C-alpha atoms as a PDB file:
ATOM      1  CA  MET A   1     207.715  46.342 -43.238  1.00  0.00           C
ATOM      2  CA  THR A   2     206.329  43.102 -44.704  1.00  0.00           C
ATOM      3  CA  THR A   3     203.712  41.688 -41.823  1.00  0.00           C
ATOM      4  CA  ARG A   4     202.128  38.047 -42.511  1.00  0.00           C
ATOM      5  CA  THR A   5     198.811  37.562 -42.321  1.00  0.00           C
ATOM      6  CA  VAL A   6     199.140  34.268 -40.240  1.00  0.00           C
ATOM      7  CA  PRO A   7     201.449  34.792 -36.944  1.00  0.00           C
ATOM      8  CA  THR A   8     204.534  32.309 -36.707  1.00  0.00           C
ATOM      9  CA  ALA A   9     206.286  31.235 -33.450  1.00  0.00           C
ATOM     10  CA  THR A  10     209.621  32.177 -35.231  1.00  0.00           C
ATOM     11  CA  GLU A  11     208.143  36.172 -35.230  1.00  0.00           C
ATOM     12  CA  SER A  12     208.850  38.422 -32.441  1.00  0.00           C
ATOM     13  CA  PRO A  13     205.413  38.746 -29.893  1.00  0.00           C
ATOM     14  CA  SER A  14     204.781  42.022 -31.046  1.00  0.00           C
ATOM     15  CA  MET A  15     204.775  40.890 -35.054  1.00  0.00           C
ATOM     16  CA  ARG A  16     202.769  38.112 -33.894  1.00  0.00           C
ATOM     17  CA  MET A  17     200.441  40.620 -32.138  1.00  0.00           C
ATOM     18  CA  MET A  18     200.657  42.719 -35.499  1.00  0.00           C
ATOM     19  CA  ALA A  19     199.362  39.766 -37.655  1.00  0.00           C
ATOM     20  CA  LEU A  20     196.496  38.560 -35.452  1.00  0.00           C
ATOM     21  CA  LEU A  21     195.299  41.874 -35.036  1.00  0.00           C
ATOM     22  CA  TYR A  22     195.507  42.342 -38.978  1.00  0.00           C
ATOM     23  CA  GLY A  23     193.467  39.180 -39.338  1.00  0.00           C
ATOM     24  CA  SER A  24     190.161  40.764 -38.720  1.00  0.00           C
ATOM     25  CA  VAL A  25     190.621  42.598 -41.902  1.00  0.00           C
ATOM     26  CA  LEU A  26     191.070  39.184 -44.129  1.00  0.00           C
ATOM     27  CA  GLY A  27     188.015  37.993 -42.059  1.00  0.00           C
ATOM     28  CA  ARG A  28     185.965  41.020 -43.993  1.00  0.00           C
ATOM     29  CA  LEU A  29     187.230  40.577 -46.564  1.00  0.00           C
ATOM     30  CA  VAL A  30     186.012  36.747 -46.619  1.00  0.00           C
ATOM     31  CA  SER A  31     182.785  38.163 -46.156  1.00  0.00           C
ATOM     32  CA  VAL A  32     182.694  40.733 -48.853  1.00  0.00           C
ATOM     33  CA  VAL A  33     184.103  38.397 -51.358  1.00  0.00           C
ATOM     34  CA  ALA A  34     181.342  36.201 -50.926  1.00  0.00           C
ATOM     35  CA  GLU A  35     178.779  38.634 -50.589  1.00  0.00           C
ATOM     36  CA  PHE A  36     179.853  39.376 -54.499  1.00  0.00           C
ATOM     37  CA  GLY A  37     180.044  35.807 -55.354  1.00  0.00           C
ATOM     38  CA  VAL A  38     183.260  36.280 -56.707  1.00  0.00           C
ATOM     39  CA  ALA A  39     184.359  32.609 -56.040  1.00  0.00           C
ATOM     40  CA  ASP A  40     181.401  31.066 -58.268  1.00  0.00           C
ATOM     41  CA  LEU A  41     183.157  33.097 -60.931  1.00  0.00           C
ATOM     42  CA  CYS A  42     185.997  31.376 -61.009  1.00  0.00           C
ATOM     43  CA  ALA A  43     184.482  27.826 -60.335  1.00  0.00           C
ATOM     44  CA  ASP A  44     185.342  26.722 -64.025  1.00  0.00           C
ATOM     45  CA  GLY A  45     188.591  27.796 -63.806  1.00  0.00           C
ATOM     46  CA  PRO A  46     191.076  31.512 -63.530  1.00  0.00           C
ATOM     47  CA  ARG A  47     189.787  34.556 -64.499  1.00  0.00           C
ATOM     48  CA  SER A  48     190.962  38.242 -64.752  1.00  0.00           C
ATOM     49  CA  VAL A  49     190.817  40.651 -62.848  1.00  0.00           C
ATOM     50  CA  ASP A  50     189.000  42.724 -65.431  1.00  0.00           C
ATOM     51  CA  GLU A  51     186.658  39.569 -66.232  1.00  0.00           C
ATOM     52  CA  LEU A  52     185.447  39.137 -62.580  1.00  0.00           C
ATOM     53  CA  ALA A  53     185.438  43.156 -61.570  1.00  0.00           C
ATOM     54  CA  SER A  54     183.210  43.375 -64.938  1.00  0.00           C
ATOM     55  CA  ALA A  55     180.794  40.336 -63.733  1.00  0.00           C
ATOM     56  CA  VAL A  56     180.126  41.907 -60.482  1.00  0.00           C
ATOM     57  CA  ASP A  57     180.379  45.777 -60.907  1.00  0.00           C
ATOM     58  CA  ALA A  58     183.269  46.328 -58.927  1.00  0.00           C
ATOM     59  CA  ASP A  59     186.518  48.425 -59.360  1.00  0.00           C
ATOM     60  CA  PRO A  60     189.081  46.155 -60.928  1.00  0.00           C
ATOM     61  CA  ASP A  61     192.063  47.684 -59.084  1.00  0.00           C
ATOM     62  CA  THR A  62     190.356  47.546 -55.878  1.00  0.00           C
ATOM     63  CA  LEU A  63     189.081  44.019 -56.337  1.00  0.00           C
ATOM     64  CA  TYR A  64     192.777  43.299 -56.975  1.00  0.00           C
ATOM     65  CA  ARG A  65     193.870  44.444 -53.901  1.00  0.00           C
ATOM     66  CA  MET A  66     191.334  42.490 -52.041  1.00  0.00           C
ATOM     67  CA  LEU A  67     191.986  39.048 -53.850  1.00  0.00           C
ATOM     68  CA  ARG A  68     196.066  39.613 -53.498  1.00  0.00           C
ATOM     69  CA  ALA A  69     195.281  40.018 -49.716  1.00  0.00           C
ATOM     70  CA  LEU A  70     193.075  37.115 -49.410  1.00  0.00           C
ATOM     71  CA  ALA A  71     195.718  35.075 -51.801  1.00  0.00           C
ATOM     72  CA  SER A  72     198.088  35.419 -49.212  1.00  0.00           C
ATOM     73  CA  ALA A  73     195.966  33.398 -46.794  1.00  0.00           C
ATOM     74  CA  GLY A  74     195.470  30.886 -49.077  1.00  0.00           C
ATOM     75  CA  VAL A  75     192.156  32.016 -50.173  1.00  0.00           C
ATOM     76  CA  PHE A  76     192.496  32.138 -53.915  1.00  0.00           C
ATOM     77  CA  THR A  77     195.746  32.055 -55.532  1.00  0.00           C
ATOM     78  CA  GLU A  78     197.429  34.395 -58.021  1.00  0.00           C
ATOM     79  CA  VAL A  79     198.064  31.956 -61.114  1.00  0.00           C
ATOM     80  CA  ALA A  80     199.319  34.953 -63.451  1.00  0.00           C
ATOM     81  CA  PRO A  81     199.557  38.329 -62.990  1.00  0.00           C
ATOM     82  CA  ARG A  82     196.411  39.881 -62.056  1.00  0.00           C
ATOM     83  CA  ALA A  83     194.509  36.527 -62.563  1.00  0.00           C
ATOM     84  CA  PHE A  84     193.244  33.724 -59.848  1.00  0.00           C
ATOM     85  CA  ALA A  85     191.564  30.828 -59.078  1.00  0.00           C
ATOM     86  CA  LEU A  86     190.157  28.893 -56.446  1.00  0.00           C
ATOM     87  CA  THR A  87     192.157  27.067 -53.551  1.00  0.00           C
ATOM     88  CA  ASP A  88     190.259  24.389 -51.553  1.00  0.00           C
ATOM     89  CA  LEU A  89     189.973  27.738 -49.153  1.00  0.00           C
ATOM     90  CA  ALA A  90     188.443  29.452 -51.706  1.00  0.00           C
ATOM     91  CA  THR A  91     186.150  26.812 -52.976  1.00  0.00           C
ATOM     92  CA  THR A  92     184.312  26.682 -49.595  1.00  0.00           C
ATOM     93  CA  LEU A  93     183.115  30.091 -50.414  1.00  0.00           C
ATOM     94  CA  CYS A  94     180.938  28.855 -53.939  1.00  0.00           C
ATOM     95  CA  SER A  95     177.787  28.589 -53.313  1.00  0.00           C
ATOM     96  CA  GLU A  96     176.649  24.850 -54.140  1.00  0.00           C
ATOM     97  CA  VAL A  97     179.287  22.718 -53.915  1.00  0.00           C
ATOM     98  CA  PRO A  98     179.737  19.951 -49.942  1.00  0.00           C
ATOM     99  CA  GLY A  99     181.073  22.205 -47.400  1.00  0.00           C
ATOM    100  CA  SER A 100     179.863  25.695 -48.908  1.00  0.00           C
ATOM    101  CA  MET A 101     180.248  28.306 -46.510  1.00  0.00           C
ATOM    102  CA  ARG A 102     178.965  31.323 -48.323  1.00  0.00           C
ATOM    103  CA  ASP A 103     176.432  31.883 -46.634  1.00  0.00           C
ATOM    104  CA  HIS A 104     177.778  31.471 -43.024  1.00  0.00           C
ATOM    105  CA  ALA A 105     180.859  34.410 -44.541  1.00  0.00           C
ATOM    106  CA  ARG A 106     177.916  36.658 -45.880  1.00  0.00           C
ATOM    107  CA  ASN A 107     176.171  36.207 -42.457  1.00  0.00           C
ATOM    108  CA  TRP A 108     179.123  36.923 -40.300  1.00  0.00           C
ATOM    109  CA  GLY A 109     179.908  40.337 -42.374  1.00  0.00           C
ATOM    110  CA  SER A 110     176.785  41.583 -41.761  1.00  0.00           C
ATOM    111  CA  ALA A 111     176.567  45.078 -39.896  1.00  0.00           C
ATOM    112  CA  GLU A 112     174.556  43.638 -36.899  1.00  0.00           C
ATOM    113  CA  TYR A 113     177.199  41.250 -36.346  1.00  0.00           C
ATOM    114  CA  LEU A 114     179.915  43.771 -36.699  1.00  0.00           C
ATOM    115  CA  HIS A 115     177.882  46.392 -34.241  1.00  0.00           C
ATOM    116  CA  THR A 116     178.187  43.648 -31.686  1.00  0.00           C
ATOM    117  CA  LEU A 117     181.701  42.902 -32.217  1.00  0.00           C
ATOM    118  CA  VAL A 118     182.368  46.637 -31.823  1.00  0.00           C
ATOM    119  CA  GLY A 119     180.431  46.631 -28.925  1.00  0.00           C
ATOM    120  CA  LEU A 120     182.333  44.153 -27.165  1.00  0.00           C
ATOM    121  CA  GLY A 121     183.809  46.715 -24.476  1.00  0.00           C
ATOM    122  CA  GLY A 122     180.374  47.450 -23.268  1.00  0.00           C
ATOM    123  CA  ALA A 123     179.197  43.656 -22.866  1.00  0.00           C
ATOM    124  CA  LEU A 124     182.464  43.447 -20.638  1.00  0.00           C
ATOM    125  CA  ARG A 125     181.205  46.001 -18.712  1.00  0.00           C
ATOM    126  CA  THR A 126     177.981  45.077 -18.494  1.00  0.00           C
ATOM    127  CA  GLY A 127     177.769  41.211 -18.916  1.00  0.00           C
ATOM    128  CA  ARG A 128     174.820  41.551 -21.128  1.00  0.00           C
ATOM    129  CA  PRO A 129     174.823  41.387 -25.078  1.00  0.00           C
ATOM    130  CA  SER A 130     176.113  44.526 -26.658  1.00  0.00           C
ATOM    131  CA  PHE A 131     173.494  43.414 -29.651  1.00  0.00           C
ATOM    132  CA  ASP A 132     170.685  44.506 -27.519  1.00  0.00           C
ATOM    133  CA  THR A 133     172.799  47.603 -26.384  1.00  0.00           C
ATOM    134  CA  HIS A 134     173.338  48.735 -30.092  1.00  0.00           C
ATOM    135  CA  HIS A 135     169.951  47.749 -31.556  1.00  0.00           C
ATOM    136  CA  GLY A 136     167.393  48.359 -28.539  1.00  0.00           C
ATOM    137  CA  VAL A 137     165.996  44.965 -28.850  1.00  0.00           C
ATOM    138  CA  ASP A 138     167.237  41.386 -28.725  1.00  0.00           C
ATOM    139  CA  PHE A 139     168.830  39.571 -31.986  1.00  0.00           C
ATOM    140  CA  TRP A 140     165.943  37.205 -32.130  1.00  0.00           C
ATOM    141  CA  SER A 141     163.382  40.135 -31.953  1.00  0.00           C
ATOM    142  CA  TYR A 142     165.523  42.099 -34.837  1.00  0.00           C
ATOM    143  CA  LEU A 143     165.167  39.047 -37.032  1.00  0.00           C
ATOM    144  CA  GLY A 144     161.379  38.549 -36.538  1.00  0.00           C
ATOM    145  CA  ALA A 145     161.278  42.575 -37.953  1.00  0.00           C
ATOM    146  CA  HIS A 146     163.846  41.979 -40.616  1.00  0.00           C
ATOM    147  CA  PRO A 147     162.506  39.331 -42.789  1.00  0.00           C
ATOM    148  CA  ARG A 148     165.174  39.768 -45.515  1.00  0.00           C
ATOM    149  CA  ARG A 149     167.702  39.688 -42.799  1.00  0.00           C
ATOM    150  CA  ALA A 150     166.305  36.756 -41.206  1.00  0.00           C
ATOM    151  CA  GLN A 151     166.470  34.879 -44.201  1.00  0.00           C
ATOM    152  CA  VAL A 152     169.839  35.482 -44.579  1.00  0.00           C
ATOM    153  CA  PHE A 153     170.798  34.375 -40.814  1.00  0.00           C
ATOM    154  CA  ASP A 154     168.344  31.031 -41.594  1.00  0.00           C
ATOM    155  CA  ARG A 155     170.637  30.260 -44.762  1.00  0.00           C
ATOM    156  CA  ALA A 156     174.007  30.665 -42.939  1.00  0.00           C
ATOM    157  CA  MET A 157     172.363  27.968 -40.066  1.00  0.00           C
ATOM    158  CA  GLY A 158     171.357  25.946 -43.093  1.00  0.00           C
ATOM    159  CA  ASP A 159     175.270  25.868 -43.986  1.00  0.00           C
ATOM    160  CA  ARG A 160     176.376  25.591 -40.347  1.00  0.00           C
ATOM    161  CA  ALA A 161     173.518  22.229 -40.021  1.00  0.00           C
ATOM    162  CA  ARG A 162     174.384  20.417 -43.200  1.00  0.00           C
ATOM    163  CA  GLN A 163     178.028  20.373 -41.816  1.00  0.00           C
ATOM    164  CA  ILE A 164     177.450  19.726 -38.015  1.00  0.00           C
ATOM    165  CA  GLY A 165     174.963  16.837 -39.292  1.00  0.00           C
ATOM    166  CA  ALA A 166     177.511  15.183 -41.299  1.00  0.00           C
ATOM    167  CA  ALA A 167     180.488  15.421 -38.579  1.00  0.00           C
ATOM    168  CA  ALA A 168     177.711  13.514 -36.476  1.00  0.00           C
ATOM    169  CA  LEU A 169     176.417  11.222 -38.489  1.00  0.00           C
ATOM    170  CA  ALA A 170     180.325   9.884 -39.144  1.00  0.00           C
ATOM    171  CA  VAL A 171     180.687   9.089 -35.664  1.00  0.00           C
ATOM    172  CA  CYS A 172     176.875   8.324 -34.430  1.00  0.00           C
ATOM    173  CA  ASP A 173     174.942   5.534 -35.747  1.00  0.00           C
ATOM    174  CA  LEU A 174     171.413   5.843 -36.012  1.00  0.00           C
ATOM    175  CA  SER A 175     170.549   2.244 -37.238  1.00  0.00           C
ATOM    176  CA  GLY A 176     167.159   1.384 -35.598  1.00  0.00           C
ATOM    177  CA  VAL A 177     166.120   4.556 -34.178  1.00  0.00           C
ATOM    178  CA  ARG A 178     162.342   4.819 -34.976  1.00  0.00           C
ATOM    179  CA  ARG A 179     161.056   8.682 -34.966  1.00  0.00           C
ATOM    180  CA  LEU A 180     163.914  11.681 -34.281  1.00  0.00           C
ATOM    181  CA  VAL A 181     162.694  15.171 -33.252  1.00  0.00           C
ATOM    182  CA  ASP A 182     165.068  17.998 -34.098  1.00  0.00           C
ATOM    183  CA  VAL A 183     164.510  20.276 -31.626  1.00  0.00           C
ATOM    184  CA  GLY A 184     164.870  23.768 -33.079  1.00  0.00           C
ATOM    185  CA  GLY A 185     165.928  22.286 -36.071  1.00  0.00           C
ATOM    186  CA  GLY A 186     165.820  25.437 -38.431  1.00  0.00           C
ATOM    187  CA  GLN A 187     164.839  24.608 -41.862  1.00  0.00           C
ATOM    188  CA  GLY A 188     165.334  20.765 -41.687  1.00  0.00           C
ATOM    189  CA  HIS A 189     169.248  20.626 -43.035  1.00  0.00           C
ATOM    190  CA  LEU A 190     170.212  18.294 -39.935  1.00  0.00           C
ATOM    191  CA  VAL A 191     167.253  15.830 -40.155  1.00  0.00           C
ATOM    192  CA  ALA A 192     167.333  15.956 -44.563  1.00  0.00           C
ATOM    193  CA  ALA A 193     171.195  14.655 -43.491  1.00  0.00           C
ATOM    194  CA  VAL A 194     169.863  12.200 -41.578  1.00  0.00           C
ATOM    195  CA  LEU A 195     167.129  11.044 -43.400  1.00  0.00           C
ATOM    196  CA  ASP A 196     169.743  10.464 -46.456  1.00  0.00           C
ATOM    197  CA  ARG A 197     171.613   7.999 -44.578  1.00  0.00           C
ATOM    198  CA  TYR A 198     168.183   6.377 -42.566  1.00  0.00           C
ATOM    199  CA  PRO A 199     165.449   7.190 -44.837  1.00  0.00           C
ATOM    200  CA  ASP A 200     163.350   4.891 -42.612  1.00  0.00           C
ATOM    201  CA  ILE A 201     163.307   6.699 -39.355  1.00  0.00           C
ATOM    202  CA  GLU A 202     160.667   8.986 -38.811  1.00  0.00           C
ATOM    203  CA  ALA A 203     161.365  12.416 -38.413  1.00  0.00           C
ATOM    204  CA  VAL A 204     160.315  16.070 -37.174  1.00  0.00           C
ATOM    205  CA  VAL A 205     161.752  19.643 -37.525  1.00  0.00           C
ATOM    206  CA  PHE A 206     160.368  21.079 -34.702  1.00  0.00           C
ATOM    207  CA  ASP A 207     161.036  24.825 -34.525  1.00  0.00           C
ATOM    208  CA  ARG A 208     159.364  28.552 -34.539  1.00  0.00           C
ATOM    209  CA  PRO A 209     156.684  28.508 -37.248  1.00  0.00           C
ATOM    210  CA  GLU A 210     158.035  31.437 -39.243  1.00  0.00           C
ATOM    211  CA  VAL A 211     161.545  29.345 -39.252  1.00  0.00           C
ATOM    212  CA  VAL A 212     160.360  26.310 -39.679  1.00  0.00           C
ATOM    213  CA  ALA A 213     157.639  27.155 -42.492  1.00  0.00           C
ATOM    214  CA  GLY A 214     161.121  26.563 -44.571  1.00  0.00           C
ATOM    215  CA  ALA A 215     161.729  23.469 -44.276  1.00  0.00           C
ATOM    216  CA  ALA A 216     159.321  21.921 -46.572  1.00  0.00           C
ATOM    217  CA  GLU A 217     161.497  22.942 -49.500  1.00  0.00           C
ATOM    218  CA  VAL A 218     164.616  21.262 -47.559  1.00  0.00           C
ATOM    219  CA  VAL A 219     163.051  17.892 -46.591  1.00  0.00           C
ATOM    220  CA  GLY A 220     159.938  17.839 -48.780  1.00  0.00           C
ATOM    221  CA  GLY A 221     157.341  14.602 -47.527  1.00  0.00           C
ATOM    222  CA  ARG A 222     160.077  13.450 -45.543  1.00  0.00           C
ATOM    223  CA  ALA A 223     159.730  14.508 -42.586  1.00  0.00           C
ATOM    224  CA  ALA A 224     157.387  16.738 -40.793  1.00  0.00           C
ATOM    225  CA  ALA A 225     157.561  20.404 -39.970  1.00  0.00           C
ATOM    226  CA  VAL A 226     156.198  21.350 -36.513  1.00  0.00           C
ATOM    227  CA  GLY A 227     155.865  25.161 -35.376  1.00  0.00           C
ATOM    228  CA  GLY A 228     155.893  25.952 -31.558  1.00  0.00           C
ATOM    229  CA  ASP A 229     157.587  27.225 -28.781  1.00  0.00           C
ATOM    230  CA  PHE A 230     160.471  25.091 -27.432  1.00  0.00           C
ATOM    231  CA  PHE A 231     160.535  26.638 -23.739  1.00  0.00           C
ATOM    232  CA  ALA A 232     157.115  25.394 -23.201  1.00  0.00           C
ATOM    233  CA  ALA A 233     156.817  21.764 -24.936  1.00  0.00           C
ATOM    234  CA  VAL A 234     158.407  19.633 -27.742  1.00  0.00           C
ATOM    235  CA  PRO A 235     156.297  17.082 -29.737  1.00  0.00           C
ATOM    236  CA  GLY A 236     156.399  13.844 -27.683  1.00  0.00           C
ATOM    237  CA  GLY A 237     156.677   9.786 -28.813  1.00  0.00           C
ATOM    238  CA  ALA A 238     160.145  10.162 -30.451  1.00  0.00           C
ATOM    239  CA  ASP A 239     163.051   7.874 -28.997  1.00  0.00           C
ATOM    240  CA  HIS A 240     165.600   9.963 -29.778  1.00  0.00           C
ATOM    241  CA  TYR A 241     165.837  14.131 -29.750  1.00  0.00           C
ATOM    242  CA  VAL A 242     168.181  16.009 -31.110  1.00  0.00           C
ATOM    243  CA  LEU A 243     169.607  19.517 -29.941  1.00  0.00           C
ATOM    244  CA  SER A 244     171.887  21.239 -32.292  1.00  0.00           C
ATOM    245  CA  SER A 245     173.510  24.504 -31.589  1.00  0.00           C
ATOM    246  CA  VAL A 246     170.761  25.567 -30.000  1.00  0.00           C
ATOM    247  CA  LEU A 247     171.550  25.464 -25.884  1.00  0.00           C
ATOM    248  CA  HIS A 248     174.913  27.621 -26.546  1.00  0.00           C
ATOM    249  CA  ASP A 249     172.214  30.310 -27.443  1.00  0.00           C
ATOM    250  CA  TRP A 250     171.217  30.409 -23.925  1.00  0.00           C
ATOM    251  CA  GLU A 251     172.331  31.161 -20.737  1.00  0.00           C
ATOM    252  CA  ASP A 252     172.147  28.352 -18.017  1.00  0.00           C
ATOM    253  CA  ASP A 253     168.146  29.173 -16.837  1.00  0.00           C
ATOM    254  CA  ASP A 254     166.807  29.099 -20.030  1.00  0.00           C
ATOM    255  CA  ALA A 255     168.509  26.197 -21.313  1.00  0.00           C
ATOM    256  CA  VAL A 256     167.632  23.943 -18.686  1.00  0.00           C
ATOM    257  CA  THR A 257     163.681  24.897 -19.642  1.00  0.00           C
ATOM    258  CA  ILE A 258     164.628  23.750 -22.774  1.00  0.00           C
ATOM    259  CA  LEU A 259     166.063  20.136 -21.597  1.00  0.00           C
ATOM    260  CA  ARG A 260     162.938  19.512 -19.100  1.00  0.00           C
ATOM    261  CA  ALA A 261     160.900  20.476 -21.881  1.00  0.00           C
ATOM    262  CA  VAL A 262     162.755  17.773 -24.386  1.00  0.00           C
ATOM    263  CA  ARG A 263     162.882  15.538 -20.968  1.00  0.00           C
ATOM    264  CA  ASP A 264     159.066  15.701 -20.314  1.00  0.00           C
ATOM    265  CA  ALA A 265     158.794  14.563 -24.366  1.00  0.00           C
ATOM    266  CA  MET A 266     160.944  11.517 -23.960  1.00  0.00           C
ATOM    267  CA  ASP A 267     160.213   8.001 -23.814  1.00  0.00           C
ATOM    268  CA  PRO A 268     161.657   6.070 -20.842  1.00  0.00           C
ATOM    269  CA  ALA A 269     164.415   4.798 -22.678  1.00  0.00           C
ATOM    270  CA  GLY A 270     165.188   7.516 -24.645  1.00  0.00           C
ATOM    271  CA  ARG A 271     167.849   9.349 -25.554  1.00  0.00           C
ATOM    272  CA  LEU A 272     168.835  12.773 -26.047  1.00  0.00           C
ATOM    273  CA  LEU A 273     172.188  14.130 -28.962  1.00  0.00           C
ATOM    274  CA  VAL A 274     173.297  17.483 -27.930  1.00  0.00           C
ATOM    275  CA  LEU A 275     175.736  18.797 -30.739  1.00  0.00           C
ATOM    276  CA  GLU A 276     177.434  21.745 -29.446  1.00  0.00           C
ATOM    277  CA  ALA A 277     180.910  22.728 -28.751  1.00  0.00           C
ATOM    278  CA  VAL A 278     182.483  20.715 -26.228  1.00  0.00           C
ATOM    279  CA  LEU A 279     185.303  23.331 -24.744  1.00  0.00           C
ATOM    280  CA  PRO A 280     188.779  22.113 -23.435  1.00  0.00           C
ATOM    281  CA  GLU A 281     189.334  22.868 -19.964  1.00  0.00           C
ATOM    282  CA  GLY A 282     192.987  25.374 -19.433  1.00  0.00           C
ATOM    283  CA  ASP A 283     194.869  27.143 -22.457  1.00  0.00           C
ATOM    284  CA  GLU A 284     194.001  24.369 -25.562  1.00  0.00           C
ATOM    285  CA  PRO A 285     192.668  26.120 -28.297  1.00  0.00           C
ATOM    286  CA  HIS A 286     189.728  25.712 -29.711  1.00  0.00           C
ATOM    287  CA  LEU A 287     187.173  27.421 -32.284  1.00  0.00           C
ATOM    288  CA  GLY A 288     184.830  27.187 -29.690  1.00  0.00           C
ATOM    289  CA  LYS A 289     186.124  29.662 -27.192  1.00  0.00           C
ATOM    290  CA  LEU A 290     185.964  32.660 -29.773  1.00  0.00           C
ATOM    291  CA  LEU A 291     182.002  31.052 -30.424  1.00  0.00           C
ATOM    292  CA  ASP A 292     181.720  31.618 -26.774  1.00  0.00           C
ATOM    293  CA  VAL A 293     182.670  35.223 -27.053  1.00  0.00           C
ATOM    294  CA  LEU A 294     180.298  36.062 -29.835  1.00  0.00           C
ATOM    295  CA  MET A 295     177.407  34.064 -28.103  1.00  0.00           C
ATOM    296  CA  LEU A 296     177.767  36.417 -24.988  1.00  0.00           C
ATOM    297  CA  ALA A 297     177.949  39.147 -27.426  1.00  0.00           C
ATOM    298  CA  LEU A 298     174.977  38.765 -29.733  1.00  0.00           C
ATOM    299  CA  VAL A 299     172.144  36.711 -27.768  1.00  0.00           C
ATOM    300  CA  GLY A 300     173.538  36.350 -24.170  1.00  0.00           C
ATOM    301  CA  GLY A 301     174.230  32.840 -24.798  1.00  0.00           C
ATOM    302  CA  ARG A 302     177.510  30.729 -24.046  1.00  0.00           C
ATOM    303  CA  GLU A 303     179.163  27.763 -25.035  1.00  0.00           C
ATOM    304  CA  ARG A 304     180.469  25.029 -22.427  1.00  0.00           C
ATOM    305  CA  THR A 305     183.029  22.613 -21.230  1.00  0.00           C
ATOM    306  CA  ALA A 306     182.088  19.118 -20.460  1.00  0.00           C
ATOM    307  CA  ARG A 307     181.342  19.750 -16.974  1.00  0.00           C
ATOM    308  CA  GLU A 308     179.193  22.813 -17.161  1.00  0.00           C
ATOM    309  CA  TYR A 309     177.054  20.202 -19.773  1.00  0.00           C
ATOM    310  CA  ALA A 310     176.808  17.584 -17.240  1.00  0.00           C
ATOM    311  CA  ALA A 311     175.303  19.921 -15.173  1.00  0.00           C
ATOM    312  CA  LEU A 312     173.087  21.427 -16.925  1.00  0.00           C
ATOM    313  CA  LEU A 313     171.647  18.081 -17.908  1.00  0.00           C
ATOM    314  CA  ASP A 314     171.489  17.334 -14.016  1.00  0.00           C
ATOM    315  CA  ARG A 315     169.363  20.057 -13.518  1.00  0.00           C
ATOM    316  CA  ALA A 316     166.783  18.436 -16.322  1.00  0.00           C
ATOM    317  CA  ASP A 317     166.847  15.373 -14.858  1.00  0.00           C
ATOM    318  CA  LEU A 318     169.417  14.259 -17.601  1.00  0.00           C
ATOM    319  CA  ARG A 319     172.813  12.437 -17.669  1.00  0.00           C
ATOM    320  CA  ILE A 320     175.630  12.293 -20.400  1.00  0.00           C
ATOM    321  CA  GLU A 321     176.223   8.585 -21.216  1.00  0.00           C
ATOM    322  CA  ARG A 322     179.202   9.664 -23.820  1.00  0.00           C
ATOM    323  CA  ILE A 323     180.786  12.409 -25.716  1.00  0.00           C
ATOM    324  CA  LEU A 324     181.706  11.361 -29.159  1.00  0.00           C
ATOM    325  CA  PRO A 325     184.367  14.046 -30.983  1.00  0.00           C
ATOM    326  CA  THR A 326     183.853  14.521 -34.750  1.00  0.00           C
ATOM    327  CA  ALA A 327     186.023  15.997 -37.085  1.00  0.00           C
ATOM    328  CA  THR A 328     184.575  19.803 -36.166  1.00  0.00           C
ATOM    329  CA  PRO A 329     184.947  21.420 -33.099  1.00  0.00           C
ATOM    330  CA  VAL A 330     181.517  20.055 -32.208  1.00  0.00           C
ATOM    331  CA  GLY A 331     180.855  16.854 -30.151  1.00  0.00           C
ATOM    332  CA  VAL A 332     177.882  14.904 -29.601  1.00  0.00           C
ATOM    333  CA  LEU A 333     176.917  14.448 -26.404  1.00  0.00           C
ATOM    334  CA  VAL A 334     174.446  11.468 -25.843  1.00  0.00           C
ATOM    335  CA  ALA A 335     172.863  11.997 -22.980  1.00  0.00           C
ATOM    336  CA  ALA A 336     169.330   9.790 -21.160  1.00  0.00           C
ATOM    337  CA  PRO A 337     167.178   9.784 -18.575  1.00  0.00           C
ATOM    338  CA  ALA A 338     168.852  10.192 -15.044  1.00  0.00           C
END
């Protein structure tokens, strides 16, 4: 029996369901080859499986079978018997390329994420994160106690921030912005993208002290790195604030607390840019609908529709002026004081 890795409308419902179920194997394979750095070895041209296996200390036959499966989904291509080259998809698994997803793939394939997904049944019964149930602590406390795991996560979020930043800057004009504070800005990848295009902006990266400590390597002396707690207060005096992939980590009451802290710090004529997936209503496919389930299972957060964001911002005395779609699943919600 032949099983497609991507379901098609012409297949029977049973075969389409089988293809969806087997799709989880593809995701795991992507994470494995990303961890082993296979794509980097193909950056200069096709490589034989034997060469690749020797370089990464892998079993050649097992590596061949994995790459063959990935090639069936367009990740790598078998250009000669047992020899593989990069495709556009496989190139995203290289380390130092625009749009790299290698660290994101490594993070996605971690034992912590996999255990969280395995525990979705428990989350369905309780409505609580399955991560907490499995590990006995919440996700953020776990990262604080496991620095090496936190490093992988921070690098993955750097991948995400660079891509979101590029997409947002393509639709959002920041000309004339005087001072910008990226709240929950991690290690400063989004701010770095902003400053590459608008070098005269006075920028601040604000996050937990242990996280923002890595910002100096990313932004150098171009931006200030400030540690603190966005549930308590954020740096003031800015005409623009950014919350990128922050609010989806939290349930509504916590998200409102963050938004109120930003609102209290904003200039009266200031603006807040919220960079998040904006879920469409109804059955329309959207990557954010899958990410929403991960947020539930991992941290107890959620993705939201435009109406849900409007209600959230209203509770913090903010209003949405407009929503700018991007080339990614993330939109830019431009908000002002109500």
